[in-house]
Amino acid sequence: MHQVYVLRNTAGEYYIGYTNDIERRLKEHAKTRPNFNLLYYESYQNSSAARNREQKLKYYGSAWRGLKKRILGA
């Protein structure tokens, strides 16, 4: 499985990423981004679908705004 995930810190900043091992990736982030916590993730069967979703969230504002509205109610 492949995951697209969203991290958020206490200052309200977001980080969007992609991985095939979310537990490992969160441990790596804990070293470089200690104030970030997992807010949301989606799982995909193949890497191309997950990478496509990550790119849409990062580079297309409407995709990110839609997800934010869904998970935060904002």
PDB file of N, CA and C in Angstrom:
ATOM      1  N   MET A   1       0.840  -1.183   0.000  1.00  0.00           N
ATOM      2  CA  MET A   1       0.000   0.000   0.000  1.00  0.00           C
ATOM      3  C   MET A   1       0.887   1.250   0.000  1.00  0.00           C
ATOM      4  N   HIS A   2       0.333   2.293  -0.556  1.00  0.00           N
ATOM      5  CA  HIS A   2       1.020   3.577  -0.637  1.00  0.00           C
ATOM      6  C   HIS A   2       0.112   4.626  -0.014  1.00  0.00           C
ATOM      7  N   GLN A   3       0.713   5.531   0.745  1.00  0.00           N
ATOM      8  CA  GLN A   3      -0.075   6.535   1.444  1.00  0.00           C
ATOM      9  C   GLN A   3       0.331   7.953   1.057  1.00  0.00           C
ATOM     10  N   VAL A   4      -0.671   8.812   1.018  1.00  0.00           N
ATOM     11  CA  VAL A   4      -0.478  10.253   0.938  1.00  0.00           C
ATOM     12  C   VAL A   4      -0.894  10.754   2.312  1.00  0.00           C
ATOM     13  N   TYR A   5      -0.068  11.597   2.922  1.00  0.00           N
ATOM     14  CA  TYR A   5      -0.351  12.008   4.283  1.00  0.00           C
ATOM     15  C   TYR A   5      -0.194  13.508   4.441  1.00  0.00           C
ATOM     16  N   VAL A   6      -0.839  14.021   5.486  1.00  0.00           N
ATOM     17  CA  VAL A   6      -0.770  15.442   5.811  1.00  0.00           C
ATOM     18  C   VAL A   6      -0.336  15.553   7.266  1.00  0.00           C
ATOM     19  N   LEU A   7       0.715  16.318   7.487  1.00  0.00           N
ATOM     20  CA  LEU A   7       1.184  16.617   8.835  1.00  0.00           C
ATOM     21  C   LEU A   7       0.840  18.068   9.148  1.00  0.00           C
ATOM     22  N   ARG A   8       0.651  18.361  10.419  1.00  0.00           N
ATOM     23  CA  ARG A   8       0.387  19.743  10.829  1.00  0.00           C
ATOM     24  C   ARG A   8       1.123  20.008  12.126  1.00  0.00           C
ATOM     25  N   ASN A   9       1.677  21.231  12.250  1.00  0.00           N
ATOM     26  CA  ASN A   9       2.365  21.580  13.491  1.00  0.00           C
ATOM     27  C   ASN A   9       1.507  22.520  14.332  1.00  0.00           C
ATOM     28  N   THR A  10       2.015  22.886  15.483  1.00  0.00           N
ATOM     29  CA  THR A  10       1.256  23.730  16.403  1.00  0.00           C
ATOM     30  C   THR A  10       1.059  25.145  15.879  1.00  0.00           C
ATOM     31  N   ALA A  11       1.880  25.568  14.932  1.00  0.00           N
ATOM     32  CA  ALA A  11       1.746  26.898  14.333  1.00  0.00           C
ATOM     33  C   ALA A  11       0.731  26.900  13.180  1.00  0.00           C
ATOM     34  N   GLY A  12       0.177  25.731  12.869  1.00  0.00           N
ATOM     35  CA  GLY A  12      -0.811  25.643  11.801  1.00  0.00           C
ATOM     36  C   GLY A  12      -0.222  25.455  10.419  1.00  0.00           C
ATOM     37  N   GLU A  13       1.065  25.093  10.337  1.00  0.00           N
ATOM     38  CA  GLU A  13       1.706  24.825   9.049  1.00  0.00           C
ATOM     39  C   GLU A  13       1.458  23.368   8.668  1.00  0.00           C
ATOM     40  N   TYR A  14       1.386  23.129   7.370  1.00  0.00           N
ATOM     41  CA  TYR A  14       1.093  21.790   6.860  1.00  0.00           C
ATOM     42  C   TYR A  14       2.264  21.255   6.042  1.00  0.00           C
ATOM     43  N   TYR A  15       2.369  19.930   6.013  1.00  0.00           N
ATOM     44  CA  TYR A  15       3.327  19.240   5.166  1.00  0.00           C
ATOM     45  C   TYR A  15       2.581  18.082   4.516  1.00  0.00           C
ATOM     46  N   ILE A  16       2.670  17.980   3.192  1.00  0.00           N
ATOM     47  CA  ILE A  16       2.020  16.910   2.443  1.00  0.00           C
ATOM     48  C   ILE A  16       3.106  16.005   1.879  1.00  0.00           C
ATOM     49  N   GLY A  17       2.944  14.706   2.060  1.00  0.00           N
ATOM     50  CA  GLY A  17       3.951  13.777   1.571  1.00  0.00           C
ATOM     51  C   GLY A  17       3.348  12.473   1.076  1.00  0.00           C
ATOM     52  N   TYR A  18       4.224  11.630   0.556  1.00  0.00           N
ATOM     53  CA  TYR A  18       3.861  10.327  -0.002  1.00  0.00           C
ATOM     54  C   TYR A  18       4.855   9.293   0.509  1.00  0.00           C
ATOM     55  N   THR A  19       4.401   8.081   0.776  1.00  0.00           N
ATOM     56  CA  THR A  19       5.297   7.015   1.223  1.00  0.00           C
ATOM     57  C   THR A  19       4.659   5.654   0.962  1.00  0.00           C
ATOM     58  N   ASN A  20       5.489   4.627   1.035  1.00  0.00           N
ATOM     59  CA  ASN A  20       4.959   3.268   0.976  1.00  0.00           C
ATOM     60  C   ASN A  20       5.067   2.590   2.344  1.00  0.00           C
ATOM     61  N   ASP A  21       5.547   3.327   3.340  1.00  0.00           N
ATOM     62  CA  ASP A  21       5.651   2.819   4.714  1.00  0.00           C
ATOM     63  C   ASP A  21       5.430   3.999   5.667  1.00  0.00           C
ATOM     64  N   ILE A  22       4.210   4.226   6.029  1.00  0.00           N
ATOM     65  CA  ILE A  22       3.878   5.433   6.802  1.00  0.00           C
ATOM     66  C   ILE A  22       4.505   5.430   8.197  1.00  0.00           C
ATOM     67  N   GLU A  23       4.599   4.282   8.837  1.00  0.00           N
ATOM     68  CA  GLU A  23       5.210   4.239  10.170  1.00  0.00           C
ATOM     69  C   GLU A  23       6.677   4.650  10.119  1.00  0.00           C
ATOM     70  N   ARG A  24       7.406   4.126   9.147  1.00  0.00           N
ATOM     71  CA  ARG A  24       8.818   4.489   8.982  1.00  0.00           C
ATOM     72  C   ARG A  24       8.951   5.981   8.688  1.00  0.00           C
ATOM     73  N   ARG A  25       8.107   6.468   7.794  1.00  0.00           N
ATOM     74  CA  ARG A  25       8.199   7.869   7.376  1.00  0.00           C
ATOM     75  C   ARG A  25       7.884   8.817   8.533  1.00  0.00           C
ATOM     76  N   LEU A  26       6.927   8.463   9.362  1.00  0.00           N
ATOM     77  CA  LEU A  26       6.606   9.312  10.514  1.00  0.00           C
ATOM     78  C   LEU A  26       7.763   9.352  11.513  1.00  0.00           C
ATOM     79  N   LYS A  27       8.454   8.224  11.671  1.00  0.00           N
ATOM     80  CA  LYS A  27       9.637   8.213  12.544  1.00  0.00           C
ATOM     81  C   LYS A  27      10.729   9.113  11.984  1.00  0.00           C
ATOM     82  N   GLU A  28      10.910   9.100  10.664  1.00  0.00           N
ATOM     83  CA  GLU A  28      11.906   9.975  10.032  1.00  0.00           C
ATOM     84  C   GLU A  28      11.521  11.443  10.215  1.00  0.00           C
ATOM     85  N   HIS A  29      10.256  11.744  10.059  1.00  0.00           N
ATOM     86  CA  HIS A  29       9.792  13.123  10.249  1.00  0.00           C
ATOM     87  C   HIS A  29       9.975  13.581  11.689  1.00  0.00           C
ATOM     88  N   ALA A  30       9.823  12.673  12.630  1.00  0.00           N
ATOM     89  CA  ALA A  30       9.962  13.038  14.043  1.00  0.00           C
ATOM     90  C   ALA A  30      11.346  13.613  14.337  1.00  0.00           C
ATOM     91  N   LYS A  31      12.333  13.199  13.559  1.00  0.00           N
ATOM     92  CA  LYS A  31      13.699  13.705  13.744  1.00  0.00           C
ATOM     93  C   LYS A  31      13.880  15.080  13.116  1.00  0.00           C
ATOM     94  N   THR A  32      13.268  15.307  11.960  1.00  0.00           N
ATOM     95  CA  THR A  32      13.467  16.572  11.242  1.00  0.00           C
ATOM     96  C   THR A  32      12.350  17.583  11.467  1.00  0.00           C
ATOM     97  N   ARG A  33      11.170  17.110  11.795  1.00  0.00           N
ATOM     98  CA  ARG A  33      10.012  17.979  12.033  1.00  0.00           C
ATOM     99  C   ARG A  33       9.338  17.548  13.340  1.00  0.00           C
ATOM    100  N   PRO A  34       9.989  17.769  14.473  1.00  0.00           N
ATOM    101  CA  PRO A  34       9.473  17.233  15.738  1.00  0.00           C
ATOM    102  C   PRO A  34       8.131  17.817  16.171  1.00  0.00           C
ATOM    103  N   ASN A  35       7.764  18.978  15.691  1.00  0.00           N
ATOM    104  CA  ASN A  35       6.511  19.598  16.109  1.00  0.00           C
ATOM    105  C   ASN A  35       5.330  19.218  15.221  1.00  0.00           C
ATOM    106  N   PHE A  36       5.557  18.382  14.212  1.00  0.00           N
ATOM    107  CA  PHE A  36       4.495  17.996  13.296  1.00  0.00           C
ATOM    108  C   PHE A  36       3.843  16.694  13.742  1.00  0.00           C
ATOM    109  N   ASN A  37       2.532  16.634  13.600  1.00  0.00           N
ATOM    110  CA  ASN A  37       1.770  15.432  13.933  1.00  0.00           C
ATOM    111  C   ASN A  37       0.933  15.021  12.733  1.00  0.00           C
ATOM    112  N   LEU A  38       0.660  13.733  12.628  1.00  0.00           N
ATOM    113  CA  LEU A  38      -0.156  13.221  11.547  1.00  0.00           C
ATOM    114  C   LEU A  38      -1.585  13.725  11.711  1.00  0.00           C
ATOM    115  N   LEU A  39      -2.091  14.374  10.681  1.00  0.00           N
ATOM    116  CA  LEU A  39      -3.446  14.899  10.681  1.00  0.00           C
ATOM    117  C   LEU A  39      -4.379  14.004   9.874  1.00  0.00           C
ATOM    118  N   TYR A  40      -3.854  13.448   8.762  1.00  0.00           N
ATOM    119  CA  TYR A  40      -4.718  12.731   7.828  1.00  0.00           C
ATOM    120  C   TYR A  40      -3.865  11.882   6.905  1.00  0.00           C
ATOM    121  N   TYR A  41      -4.406  10.767   6.437  1.00  0.00           N
ATOM    122  CA  TYR A  41      -3.742  10.007   5.380  1.00  0.00           C
ATOM    123  C   TYR A  41      -4.765   9.249   4.550  1.00  0.00           C
ATOM    124  N   GLU A  42      -4.384   8.960   3.313  1.00  0.00           N
ATOM    125  CA  GLU A  42      -5.192   8.177   2.374  1.00  0.00           C
ATOM    126  C   GLU A  42      -4.314   7.053   1.859  1.00  0.00           C
ATOM    127  N   SER A  43      -4.892   5.869   1.659  1.00  0.00           N
ATOM    128  CA  SER A  43      -4.137   4.728   1.141  1.00  0.00           C
ATOM    129  C   SER A  43      -4.538   4.421  -0.294  1.00  0.00           C
ATOM    130  N   TYR A  44      -3.548   3.998  -1.075  1.00  0.00           N
ATOM    131  CA  TYR A  44      -3.742   3.658  -2.482  1.00  0.00           C
ATOM    132  C   TYR A  44      -3.076   2.329  -2.772  1.00  0.00           C
ATOM    133  N   GLN A  45      -3.612   1.599  -3.737  1.00  0.00           N
ATOM    134  CA  GLN A  45      -3.062   0.297  -4.100  1.00  0.00           C
ATOM    135  C   GLN A  45      -1.773   0.408  -4.889  1.00  0.00           C
ATOM    136  N   ASN A  46      -1.626   1.481  -5.683  1.00  0.00           N
ATOM    137  CA  ASN A  46      -0.408   1.602  -6.483  1.00  0.00           C
ATOM    138  C   ASN A  46       0.238   2.972  -6.297  1.00  0.00           C
ATOM    139  N   SER A  47       1.515   3.016  -6.563  1.00  0.00           N
ATOM    140  CA  SER A  47       2.276   4.231  -6.319  1.00  0.00           C
ATOM    141  C   SER A  47       1.887   5.371  -7.251  1.00  0.00           C
ATOM    142  N   SER A  48       1.516   5.069  -8.480  1.00  0.00           N
ATOM    143  CA  SER A  48       1.193   6.150  -9.412  1.00  0.00           C
ATOM    144  C   SER A  48      -0.060   6.911  -8.969  1.00  0.00           C
ATOM    145  N   ALA A  49      -1.051   6.227  -8.436  1.00  0.00           N
ATOM    146  CA  ALA A  49      -2.250   6.892  -7.943  1.00  0.00           C
ATOM    147  C   ALA A  49      -1.931   7.768  -6.733  1.00  0.00           C
ATOM    148  N   ALA A  50      -1.096   7.255  -5.838  1.00  0.00           N
ATOM    149  CA  ALA A  50      -0.718   8.019  -4.647  1.00  0.00           C
ATOM    150  C   ALA A  50       0.111   9.240  -5.022  1.00  0.00           C
ATOM    151  N   ARG A  51       1.059   9.075  -5.931  1.00  0.00           N
ATOM    152  CA  ARG A  51       1.898  10.209  -6.349  1.00  0.00           C
ATOM    153  C   ARG A  51       1.053  11.267  -7.052  1.00  0.00           C
ATOM    154  N   ASN A  52       0.096  10.823  -7.854  1.00  0.00           N
ATOM    155  CA  ASN A  52      -0.788  11.756  -8.546  1.00  0.00           C
ATOM    156  C   ASN A  52      -1.591  12.581  -7.538  1.00  0.00           C
ATOM    157  N   ARG A  53      -2.122  11.919  -6.516  1.00  0.00           N
ATOM    158  CA  ARG A  53      -2.891  12.625  -5.481  1.00  0.00           C
ATOM    159  C   ARG A  53      -2.013  13.601  -4.714  1.00  0.00           C
ATOM    160  N   GLU A  54      -0.803  13.193  -4.378  1.00  0.00           N
ATOM    161  CA  GLU A  54       0.128  14.086  -3.676  1.00  0.00           C
ATOM    162  C   GLU A  54       0.393  15.332  -4.506  1.00  0.00           C
ATOM    163  N   GLN A  55       0.648  15.161  -5.788  1.00  0.00           N
ATOM    164  CA  GLN A  55       0.917  16.294  -6.669  1.00  0.00           C
ATOM    165  C   GLN A  55      -0.282  17.229  -6.755  1.00  0.00           C
ATOM    166  N   LYS A  56      -1.482  16.663  -6.841  1.00  0.00           N
ATOM    167  CA  LYS A  56      -2.685  17.502  -6.889  1.00  0.00           C
ATOM    168  C   LYS A  56      -2.833  18.319  -5.614  1.00  0.00           C
ATOM    169  N   LEU A  57      -2.590  17.696  -4.465  1.00  0.00           N
ATOM    170  CA  LEU A  57      -2.708  18.415  -3.204  1.00  0.00           C
ATOM    171  C   LEU A  57      -1.664  19.516  -3.080  1.00  0.00           C
ATOM    172  N   LYS A  58      -0.460  19.267  -3.584  1.00  0.00           N
ATOM    173  CA  LYS A  58       0.616  20.247  -3.465  1.00  0.00           C
ATOM    174  C   LYS A  58       0.494  21.389  -4.466  1.00  0.00           C
ATOM    175  N   TYR A  59       0.035  21.108  -5.664  1.00  0.00           N
ATOM    176  CA  TYR A  59       0.132  22.105  -6.726  1.00  0.00           C
ATOM    177  C   TYR A  59      -1.196  22.628  -7.259  1.00  0.00           C
ATOM    178  N   TYR A  60      -2.298  22.040  -6.835  1.00  0.00           N
ATOM    179  CA  TYR A  60      -3.610  22.524  -7.273  1.00  0.00           C
ATOM    180  C   TYR A  60      -4.390  22.943  -6.043  1.00  0.00           C
ATOM    181  N   GLY A  61      -4.563  24.215  -5.881  1.00  0.00           N
ATOM    182  CA  GLY A  61      -5.195  24.758  -4.683  1.00  0.00           C
ATOM    183  C   GLY A  61      -6.577  24.213  -4.407  1.00  0.00           C
ATOM    184  N   SER A  62      -7.350  23.941  -5.447  1.00  0.00           N
ATOM    185  CA  SER A  62      -8.712  23.464  -5.228  1.00  0.00           C
ATOM    186  C   SER A  62      -8.722  22.083  -4.571  1.00  0.00           C
ATOM    187  N   ALA A  63      -7.780  21.224  -4.922  1.00  0.00           N
ATOM    188  CA  ALA A  63      -7.699  19.890  -4.306  1.00  0.00           C
ATOM    189  C   ALA A  63      -7.377  20.023  -2.822  1.00  0.00           C
ATOM    190  N   TRP A  64      -6.422  20.884  -2.496  1.00  0.00           N
ATOM    191  CA  TRP A  64      -6.031  21.089  -1.099  1.00  0.00           C
ATOM    192  C   TRP A  64      -7.158  21.753  -0.317  1.00  0.00           C
ATOM    193  N   ARG A  65      -7.803  22.750  -0.886  1.00  0.00           N
ATOM    194  CA  ARG A  65      -8.915  23.414  -0.194  1.00  0.00           C
ATOM    195  C   ARG A  65     -10.054  22.432   0.072  1.00  0.00           C
ATOM    196  N   GLY A  66     -10.351  21.568  -0.898  1.00  0.00           N
ATOM    197  CA  GLY A  66     -11.407  20.575  -0.709  1.00  0.00           C
ATOM    198  C   GLY A  66     -11.088  19.600   0.408  1.00  0.00           C
ATOM    199  N   LEU A  67      -9.857  19.119   0.449  1.00  0.00           N
ATOM    200  CA  LEU A  67      -9.460  18.186   1.502  1.00  0.00           C
ATOM    201  C   LEU A  67      -9.480  18.876   2.861  1.00  0.00           C
ATOM    202  N   LYS A  68      -8.958  20.091   2.915  1.00  0.00           N
ATOM    203  CA  LYS A  68      -8.934  20.834   4.169  1.00  0.00           C
ATOM    204  C   LYS A  68     -10.350  21.035   4.707  1.00  0.00           C
ATOM    205  N   LYS A  69     -11.248  21.361   3.818  1.00  0.00           N
ATOM    206  CA  LYS A  69     -12.644  21.565   4.222  1.00  0.00           C
ATOM    207  C   LYS A  69     -13.227  20.260   4.766  1.00  0.00           C
ATOM    208  N   ARG A  70     -12.894  19.165   4.119  1.00  0.00           N
ATOM    209  CA  ARG A  70     -13.420  17.865   4.537  1.00  0.00           C
ATOM    210  C   ARG A  70     -12.878  17.431   5.898  1.00  0.00           C
ATOM    211  N   ILE A  71     -11.580  17.619   6.137  1.00  0.00           N
ATOM    212  CA  ILE A  71     -11.001  17.104   7.380  1.00  0.00           C
ATOM    213  C   ILE A  71     -11.051  18.099   8.525  1.00  0.00           C
ATOM    214  N   LEU A  72     -11.081  19.388   8.220  1.00  0.00           N
ATOM    215  CA  LEU A  72     -11.094  20.389   9.283  1.00  0.00           C
ATOM    216  C   LEU A  72     -12.437  21.083   9.445  1.00  0.00           C
ATOM    217  N   GLY A  73     -13.284  20.922   8.450  1.00  0.00           N
ATOM    218  CA  GLY A  73     -14.561  21.615   8.491  1.00  0.00           C
ATOM    219  C   GLY A  73     -14.405  23.105   8.272  1.00  0.00           C
ATOM    220  N   ALA A  74     -13.253  23.508   7.709  1.00  0.00           N
ATOM    221  CA  ALA A  74     -12.973  24.941   7.505  1.00  0.00           C
ATOM    222  C   ALA A  74     -13.288  25.374   6.104  1.00  0.00           C
TER     223      ALA A  74
END
